[in-house]
Amino acid sequence: MKRFVFLAAGLAASAGFAQPAASPPATPDDHDPNEMVCQRVQMLGSRLNAARMCMTRQQWDQRRQADRRDAERAQTNRIVPR
């Protein structure tokens, strides 16, 4: 019985030292900020109507930041009825 306990403990300890498969390191987007990117954008008020918008990567990032800022501002500046 002692042998089994020691064997199980040894296997558990050696499993902790196993190295996972090497994965490539995470790198930030090294895309050109001036590259033109086109995306389909849903139009407000319709599930079916969508338009194709083309902007540079930098413009998409600026738009995404402005949208997030507007959403956060709308959530924090709520009017509470009395």
N, C-alpha and C. Protein backbone atom coordinates (compact mmCIF):
# COMPACT_ATOMS: atom_id res chain seq x y z
N MET A 1 0.82 -1.19 0.00
CA MET A 1 0.00 0.00 0.00
C MET A 1 0.86 1.25 0.00
N LYS A 2 1.97 1.20 0.78
CA LYS A 2 2.86 2.36 0.82
C LYS A 2 3.45 2.62 -0.56
N ARG A 3 3.77 1.54 -1.27
CA ARG A 3 4.32 1.69 -2.61
C ARG A 3 3.37 2.44 -3.52
N PHE A 4 2.10 2.10 -3.44
CA PHE A 4 1.10 2.75 -4.27
C PHE A 4 1.01 4.25 -3.95
N VAL A 5 1.05 4.58 -2.66
CA VAL A 5 0.96 5.98 -2.25
C VAL A 5 2.17 6.75 -2.77
N PHE A 6 3.37 6.17 -2.62
CA PHE A 6 4.57 6.85 -3.10
C PHE A 6 4.57 6.98 -4.62
N LEU A 7 4.10 5.95 -5.30
CA LEU A 7 4.04 5.99 -6.75
C LEU A 7 3.06 7.07 -7.21
N ALA A 8 1.90 7.15 -6.58
CA ALA A 8 0.92 8.17 -6.94
C ALA A 8 1.45 9.57 -6.65
N ALA A 9 2.13 9.73 -5.52
CA ALA A 9 2.70 11.04 -5.17
C ALA A 9 3.79 11.43 -6.17
N GLY A 10 4.61 10.46 -6.57
CA GLY A 10 5.67 10.74 -7.54
C GLY A 10 5.11 11.13 -8.89
N LEU A 11 4.07 10.43 -9.33
CA LEU A 11 3.45 10.77 -10.62
C LEU A 11 2.79 12.15 -10.57
N ALA A 12 2.15 12.47 -9.46
CA ALA A 12 1.51 13.77 -9.33
C ALA A 12 2.55 14.89 -9.34
N ALA A 13 3.68 14.65 -8.66
CA ALA A 13 4.73 15.67 -8.61
C ALA A 13 5.38 15.85 -9.98
N SER A 14 5.59 14.75 -10.71
CA SER A 14 6.23 14.88 -12.02
C SER A 14 5.27 15.50 -13.04
N ALA A 15 3.97 15.35 -12.85
CA ALA A 15 3.01 15.95 -13.77
C ALA A 15 3.06 17.47 -13.66
N GLY A 16 3.40 18.00 -12.50
CA GLY A 16 3.49 19.44 -12.32
C GLY A 16 4.65 20.05 -13.07
N PHE A 17 5.68 19.23 -13.37
CA PHE A 17 6.85 19.74 -14.06
C PHE A 17 6.76 19.60 -15.57
N ALA A 18 5.71 18.98 -16.06
CA ALA A 18 5.57 18.79 -17.50
C ALA A 18 5.38 20.15 -18.18
N GLN A 19 6.09 20.35 -19.25
CA GLN A 19 6.01 21.61 -19.99
C GLN A 19 4.93 21.51 -21.05
N PRO A 20 4.05 22.50 -21.14
CA PRO A 20 3.05 22.49 -22.20
C PRO A 20 3.73 22.76 -23.55
N ALA A 21 3.01 22.47 -24.61
CA ALA A 21 3.56 22.70 -25.94
C ALA A 21 3.86 24.19 -26.11
N ALA A 22 4.97 24.47 -26.74
CA ALA A 22 5.39 25.86 -26.92
C ALA A 22 4.42 26.57 -27.85
N SER A 23 3.95 27.72 -27.41
CA SER A 23 3.06 28.51 -28.24
C SER A 23 3.79 29.81 -28.60
N PRO A 24 3.49 30.36 -29.75
CA PRO A 24 4.17 31.59 -30.13
C PRO A 24 3.80 32.72 -29.17
N PRO A 25 4.75 33.58 -28.86
CA PRO A 25 4.46 34.67 -27.92
C PRO A 25 3.42 35.63 -28.51
N ALA A 26 2.59 36.16 -27.63
CA ALA A 26 1.57 37.09 -28.08
C ALA A 26 2.22 38.40 -28.49
N THR A 27 1.96 38.83 -29.69
CA THR A 27 2.52 40.09 -30.18
C THR A 27 1.39 41.04 -30.48
N PRO A 28 1.61 42.30 -30.25
CA PRO A 28 0.57 43.27 -30.60
C PRO A 28 0.40 43.35 -32.11
N ASP A 29 -0.73 43.88 -32.52
CA ASP A 29 -0.97 44.02 -33.96
C ASP A 29 0.12 44.88 -34.57
N ASP A 30 0.88 44.31 -35.47
CA ASP A 30 1.90 45.09 -36.15
C ASP A 30 1.44 45.38 -37.57
N HIS A 31 0.13 45.66 -37.70
CA HIS A 31 -0.43 46.03 -38.98
C HIS A 31 -0.20 47.51 -39.21
N ASP A 32 -0.20 47.88 -40.46
CA ASP A 32 -0.04 49.27 -40.83
C ASP A 32 -1.28 50.05 -40.41
N PRO A 33 -1.14 51.12 -39.60
CA PRO A 33 -2.32 51.88 -39.17
C PRO A 33 -3.01 52.59 -40.32
N ASN A 34 -2.33 52.73 -41.45
CA ASN A 34 -2.92 53.42 -42.60
C ASN A 34 -3.53 52.46 -43.61
N GLU A 35 -3.54 51.17 -43.27
CA GLU A 35 -4.14 50.17 -44.16
C GLU A 35 -5.65 50.34 -44.18
N MET A 36 -6.24 50.30 -45.35
CA MET A 36 -7.68 50.45 -45.50
C MET A 36 -8.36 49.12 -45.18
N VAL A 37 -9.38 49.17 -44.31
CA VAL A 37 -10.11 47.98 -43.89
C VAL A 37 -11.60 48.26 -44.09
N CYS A 38 -12.29 47.33 -44.72
CA CYS A 38 -13.73 47.48 -44.95
C CYS A 38 -14.48 46.48 -44.06
N GLN A 39 -15.56 46.95 -43.44
CA GLN A 39 -16.39 46.10 -42.58
C GLN A 39 -17.85 46.38 -42.86
N ARG A 40 -18.68 45.36 -42.62
CA ARG A 40 -20.14 45.54 -42.73
C ARG A 40 -20.62 46.08 -41.40
N VAL A 41 -21.40 47.16 -41.44
CA VAL A 41 -21.90 47.81 -40.24
C VAL A 41 -23.41 47.80 -40.28
N GLN A 42 -24.03 47.30 -39.20
CA GLN A 42 -25.49 47.27 -39.09
C GLN A 42 -26.02 48.68 -38.94
N MET A 43 -27.06 49.00 -39.66
CA MET A 43 -27.70 50.30 -39.55
C MET A 43 -28.70 50.25 -38.40
N LEU A 44 -28.79 51.31 -37.64
CA LEU A 44 -29.72 51.36 -36.52
C LEU A 44 -31.16 51.27 -36.98
N GLY A 45 -31.96 50.51 -36.27
CA GLY A 45 -33.38 50.42 -36.57
C GLY A 45 -33.75 49.31 -37.52
N SER A 46 -32.77 48.54 -37.99
CA SER A 46 -33.09 47.47 -38.91
C SER A 46 -32.17 46.28 -38.66
N ARG A 47 -32.74 45.10 -38.71
CA ARG A 47 -31.93 43.90 -38.55
C ARG A 47 -31.29 43.50 -39.87
N LEU A 48 -31.89 43.91 -40.97
CA LEU A 48 -31.45 43.44 -42.27
C LEU A 48 -30.60 44.45 -43.04
N ASN A 49 -30.74 45.71 -42.74
CA ASN A 49 -30.03 46.73 -43.48
C ASN A 49 -28.62 46.90 -42.92
N ALA A 50 -27.63 46.70 -43.75
CA ALA A 50 -26.24 46.87 -43.36
C ALA A 50 -25.51 47.60 -44.47
N ALA A 51 -24.53 48.38 -44.08
CA ALA A 51 -23.74 49.12 -45.05
C ALA A 51 -22.29 48.70 -44.92
N ARG A 52 -21.55 48.86 -45.99
CA ARG A 52 -20.14 48.55 -45.97
C ARG A 52 -19.38 49.85 -45.80
N MET A 53 -18.55 49.91 -44.73
CA MET A 53 -17.78 51.12 -44.45
C MET A 53 -16.31 50.79 -44.57
N CYS A 54 -15.57 51.66 -45.23
CA CYS A 54 -14.13 51.50 -45.38
C CYS A 54 -13.41 52.65 -44.71
N MET A 55 -12.52 52.32 -43.78
CA MET A 55 -11.71 53.31 -43.07
C MET A 55 -10.35 52.70 -42.81
N THR A 56 -9.39 53.53 -42.42
CA THR A 56 -8.08 53.01 -42.05
C THR A 56 -8.17 52.35 -40.68
N ARG A 57 -7.19 51.54 -40.36
CA ARG A 57 -7.17 50.88 -39.04
C ARG A 57 -7.17 51.91 -37.92
N GLN A 58 -6.45 53.00 -38.11
CA GLN A 58 -6.40 54.04 -37.10
C GLN A 58 -7.77 54.69 -36.91
N GLN A 59 -8.49 54.92 -37.99
CA GLN A 59 -9.83 55.49 -37.89
C GLN A 59 -10.80 54.53 -37.21
N TRP A 60 -10.68 53.22 -37.50
CA TRP A 60 -11.53 52.24 -36.82
C TRP A 60 -11.25 52.25 -35.32
N ASP A 61 -9.98 52.33 -34.93
CA ASP A 61 -9.62 52.36 -33.51
C ASP A 61 -10.18 53.61 -32.84
N GLN A 62 -10.07 54.76 -33.52
CA GLN A 62 -10.61 55.99 -32.96
C GLN A 62 -12.12 55.91 -32.79
N ARG A 63 -12.79 55.32 -33.78
CA ARG A 63 -14.24 55.18 -33.71
C ARG A 63 -14.64 54.26 -32.56
N ARG A 64 -13.91 53.14 -32.41
CA ARG A 64 -14.18 52.19 -31.33
C ARG A 64 -14.01 52.86 -29.97
N GLN A 65 -12.94 53.66 -29.80
CA GLN A 65 -12.71 54.35 -28.54
C GLN A 65 -13.81 55.38 -28.27
N ALA A 66 -14.22 56.12 -29.30
CA ALA A 66 -15.28 57.12 -29.13
C ALA A 66 -16.60 56.45 -28.76
N ASP A 67 -16.91 55.32 -29.40
CA ASP A 67 -18.14 54.59 -29.08
C ASP A 67 -18.13 54.10 -27.65
N ARG A 68 -17.00 53.59 -27.19
CA ARG A 68 -16.88 53.10 -25.81
C ARG A 68 -17.03 54.26 -24.83
N ARG A 69 -16.39 55.38 -25.13
CA ARG A 69 -16.46 56.56 -24.26
C ARG A 69 -17.91 57.06 -24.17
N ASP A 70 -18.60 57.09 -25.31
CA ASP A 70 -20.00 57.54 -25.31
C ASP A 70 -20.89 56.59 -24.50
N ALA A 71 -20.66 55.30 -24.64
CA ALA A 71 -21.47 54.32 -23.90
C ALA A 71 -21.21 54.44 -22.40
N GLU A 72 -19.96 54.61 -22.00
CA GLU A 72 -19.65 54.76 -20.58
C GLU A 72 -20.25 56.05 -20.03
N ARG A 73 -20.18 57.12 -20.81
CA ARG A 73 -20.75 58.40 -20.38
C ARG A 73 -22.26 58.26 -20.21
N ALA A 74 -22.93 57.58 -21.13
CA ALA A 74 -24.38 57.40 -21.04
C ALA A 74 -24.75 56.56 -19.82
N GLN A 75 -23.92 55.60 -19.46
CA GLN A 75 -24.22 54.74 -18.31
C GLN A 75 -23.99 55.45 -16.99
N THR A 76 -23.00 56.33 -16.93
CA THR A 76 -22.68 56.97 -15.66
C THR A 76 -23.49 58.23 -15.43
N ASN A 77 -24.04 58.83 -16.47
CA ASN A 77 -24.81 60.07 -16.34
C ASN A 77 -26.30 59.83 -16.45
N ARG A 78 -26.77 58.75 -15.83
CA ARG A 78 -28.20 58.45 -15.87
C ARG A 78 -28.97 59.41 -14.98
N ILE A 79 -30.19 59.72 -15.41
CA ILE A 79 -31.08 60.56 -14.61
C ILE A 79 -31.98 59.64 -13.81
N VAL A 80 -31.95 59.81 -12.51
CA VAL A 80 -32.74 58.97 -11.63
C VAL A 80 -34.01 59.72 -11.25
N PRO A 81 -35.20 59.17 -11.55
CA PRO A 81 -36.44 59.85 -11.19
C PRO A 81 -36.63 59.89 -9.68
N ARG A 82 -37.26 60.95 -9.20
CA ARG A 82 -37.50 61.08 -7.75
C ARG A 82 -38.81 60.54 -7.35
